[in-house]
Amino acid sequence: MARFRLPLEGLRQLRKSTRTERRTRLAEAYQAQAILTQQQEDLRKELAACRDAQRTLIAAGGLDASQAVQHGRFQLAIESRQATLAEQAATLEGDIERHRLALAEADQQIRLLDKLEQRRRKEFDDRQQSLETKQLDEIATRIPRRNT
């Protein structure tokens, strides 16, 4: 009996490795997003702490002009860093979406190859069954019938 062989197995392996690579890239992008989110949260806390310290000094009456300038510069530096992180986050969102779509496409290509294999395997099995049936019918016609 003949064995089923799909000549596209090399292509399937290539598609699977592509999917794995795309899955890895998407995971890396999500990890970068988590790091970026943590950095943004740290900056928010740092800015809030700076403003609280400034309010405390103002309430106590101990804030002189040089301290006010220092706090202002520090707040501007934090806000500038926040703006930079926001730009990076927007860029990263686009990258994540691009990686997600690429992964979905790779999954679709593998599913397509799987469906093709199923269809070809069924066709092969049907041909094999038909061939076996013909062979059995031929054998049956060669055997003399007994009259009972």
Protein backbone atom coordinates (compact mmCIF):
# COMPACT_ATOMS: atom_id res chain seq x y z
CA MET A 1 0.00 0.00 0.00
CA ALA A 2 1.31 3.45 -0.88
CA ARG A 3 2.11 5.98 1.82
CA PHE A 4 0.70 9.48 1.89
CA ARG A 5 3.32 12.15 1.36
CA LEU A 6 2.67 15.87 1.15
CA PRO A 7 5.36 17.57 -0.94
CA LEU A 8 4.75 20.85 0.88
CA GLU A 9 6.21 19.73 4.23
CA GLY A 10 9.29 21.92 3.74
CA LEU A 11 7.06 24.91 3.15
CA ARG A 12 5.06 24.09 6.27
CA GLN A 13 8.23 23.98 8.37
CA LEU A 14 9.30 27.32 6.93
CA ARG A 15 5.89 28.83 7.76
CA LYS A 16 6.08 27.44 11.30
CA SER A 17 9.52 28.93 11.87
CA THR A 18 8.24 32.25 10.50
CA ARG A 19 5.30 32.09 12.89
CA THR A 20 7.60 31.34 15.81
CA GLU A 21 9.81 34.28 14.88
CA ARG A 22 6.82 36.60 14.62
CA ARG A 23 5.45 35.35 17.93
CA THR A 24 8.81 36.10 19.54
CA ARG A 25 8.88 39.61 18.08
CA LEU A 26 5.38 40.28 19.35
CA ALA A 27 6.33 39.04 22.83
CA GLU A 28 9.38 41.30 22.80
CA ALA A 29 7.22 44.27 21.80
CA TYR A 30 4.79 43.53 24.64
CA GLN A 31 7.72 43.29 27.05
CA ALA A 32 9.05 46.65 25.82
CA GLN A 33 5.58 48.11 26.30
CA ALA A 34 5.46 46.84 29.89
CA ILE A 35 8.87 48.40 30.61
CA LEU A 36 7.79 51.67 29.03
CA THR A 37 4.56 51.70 31.04
CA GLN A 38 6.54 51.12 34.24
CA GLN A 39 8.89 53.98 33.37
CA GLN A 40 5.92 56.28 32.73
CA GLU A 41 4.42 55.31 36.09
CA ASP A 42 7.74 55.94 37.84
CA LEU A 43 7.94 59.40 36.26
CA ARG A 44 4.36 60.20 37.31
CA LYS A 45 5.21 59.25 40.90
CA GLU A 46 8.44 61.24 40.79
CA LEU A 47 6.63 64.33 39.46
CA ALA A 48 3.92 63.98 42.10
CA ALA A 49 6.56 63.67 44.83
CA CYS A 50 8.36 66.75 43.51
CA ARG A 51 5.14 68.77 43.51
CA ASP A 52 4.25 67.55 47.00
CA ALA A 53 7.70 68.57 48.26
CA GLN A 54 7.31 71.98 46.66
CA ARG A 55 3.85 72.45 48.24
CA THR A 56 5.21 71.41 51.61
CA LEU A 57 8.04 73.92 51.36
CA ILE A 58 5.63 76.66 50.27
CA ALA A 59 3.25 75.86 53.15
CA ALA A 60 6.13 75.94 55.62
CA GLY A 61 7.34 79.19 54.12
CA GLY A 62 10.80 77.77 53.45
CA LEU A 63 10.85 77.95 49.64
CA ASP A 64 13.29 80.53 48.35
CA ALA A 65 13.74 81.61 44.73
CA SER A 66 16.63 79.24 43.94
CA GLN A 67 14.69 76.24 45.27
CA ALA A 68 11.65 77.28 43.25
CA VAL A 69 13.82 77.48 40.12
CA GLN A 70 15.35 74.08 40.90
CA HIS A 71 11.93 72.49 41.37
CA GLY A 72 10.72 74.13 38.17
CA ARG A 73 13.68 72.80 36.18
CA PHE A 74 13.30 69.36 37.68
CA GLN A 75 9.59 69.32 36.81
CA LEU A 76 10.35 70.45 33.26
CA ALA A 77 12.94 67.68 32.90
CA ILE A 78 10.43 65.10 34.11
CA GLU A 79 7.71 66.44 31.82
CA SER A 80 10.12 66.37 28.89
CA ARG A 81 10.99 62.76 29.67
CA GLN A 82 7.26 61.96 29.92
CA ALA A 83 6.69 63.46 26.48
CA THR A 84 9.52 61.38 25.06
CA LEU A 85 8.10 58.23 26.64
CA ALA A 86 4.64 59.06 25.28
CA GLU A 87 6.08 59.34 21.76
CA GLN A 88 7.88 56.02 22.22
CA ALA A 89 4.66 54.44 23.49
CA ALA A 90 2.76 55.63 20.41
CA THR A 91 5.44 54.21 18.12
CA LEU A 92 5.45 50.97 20.08
CA GLU A 93 1.66 50.66 19.75
CA GLY A 94 2.08 50.78 15.97
CA ASP A 95 4.84 48.17 16.13
CA ILE A 96 2.70 45.89 18.29
CA GLU A 97 -0.20 46.14 15.88
CA ARG A 98 2.11 45.41 12.94
CA HIS A 99 3.60 42.38 14.73
CA ARG A 100 0.13 41.16 15.72
CA LEU A 101 -1.08 41.33 12.12
CA ALA A 102 2.06 39.57 10.87
CA LEU A 103 1.50 36.78 13.40
CA ALA A 104 -2.14 36.45 12.37
CA GLU A 105 -1.05 36.18 8.73
CA ALA A 106 1.51 33.48 9.59
CA ASP A 107 -1.16 31.53 11.51
CA GLN A 108 -3.51 31.83 8.55
CA GLN A 109 -0.87 30.49 6.16
CA ILE A 110 -0.27 27.47 8.38
CA ARG A 111 -4.01 26.80 8.69
CA LEU A 112 -4.26 27.00 4.90
CA LEU A 113 -1.50 24.39 4.53
CA ASP A 114 -3.20 22.20 7.15
CA LYS A 115 -6.50 22.35 5.26
CA LEU A 116 -4.70 21.53 2.02
CA GLU A 117 -3.06 18.54 3.69
CA GLN A 118 -6.40 17.33 5.05
CA ARG A 119 -8.02 17.62 1.63
CA ARG A 120 -5.14 15.85 -0.11
CA ARG A 121 -5.00 13.15 2.57
CA LYS A 122 -8.73 12.50 2.13
CA GLU A 123 -8.31 12.34 -1.64
CA PHE A 124 -5.40 9.94 -1.19
CA ASP A 125 -7.37 7.77 1.25
CA ASP A 126 -10.36 7.74 -1.13
CA ARG A 127 -8.12 6.68 -4.04
CA GLN A 128 -6.52 3.98 -1.92
CA GLN A 129 -9.91 2.69 -0.81
CA SER A 130 -11.14 2.64 -4.40
CA LEU A 131 -8.01 0.81 -5.54
CA GLU A 132 -8.35 -1.78 -2.78
CA THR A 133 -12.00 -2.29 -3.63
CA LYS A 134 -11.13 -2.83 -7.31
CA GLN A 135 -8.41 -5.29 -6.37
CA LEU A 136 -10.73 -7.22 -4.08
CA ASP A 137 -13.43 -7.27 -6.77
CA GLU A 138 -10.91 -8.60 -9.30
CA ILE A 139 -9.80 -11.30 -6.88
CA ALA A 140 -13.42 -12.20 -6.21
CA THR A 141 -14.12 -12.63 -9.94
CA ARG A 142 -11.15 -14.98 -10.32
CA ILE A 143 -12.24 -17.32 -7.58
CA PRO A 144 -14.64 -19.93 -8.93
CA ARG A 145 -18.04 -19.88 -7.34
CA ARG A 146 -19.30 -22.95 -5.61
CA ASN A 147 -22.77 -24.10 -6.34
CA THR A 148 -24.59 -25.10 -3.26
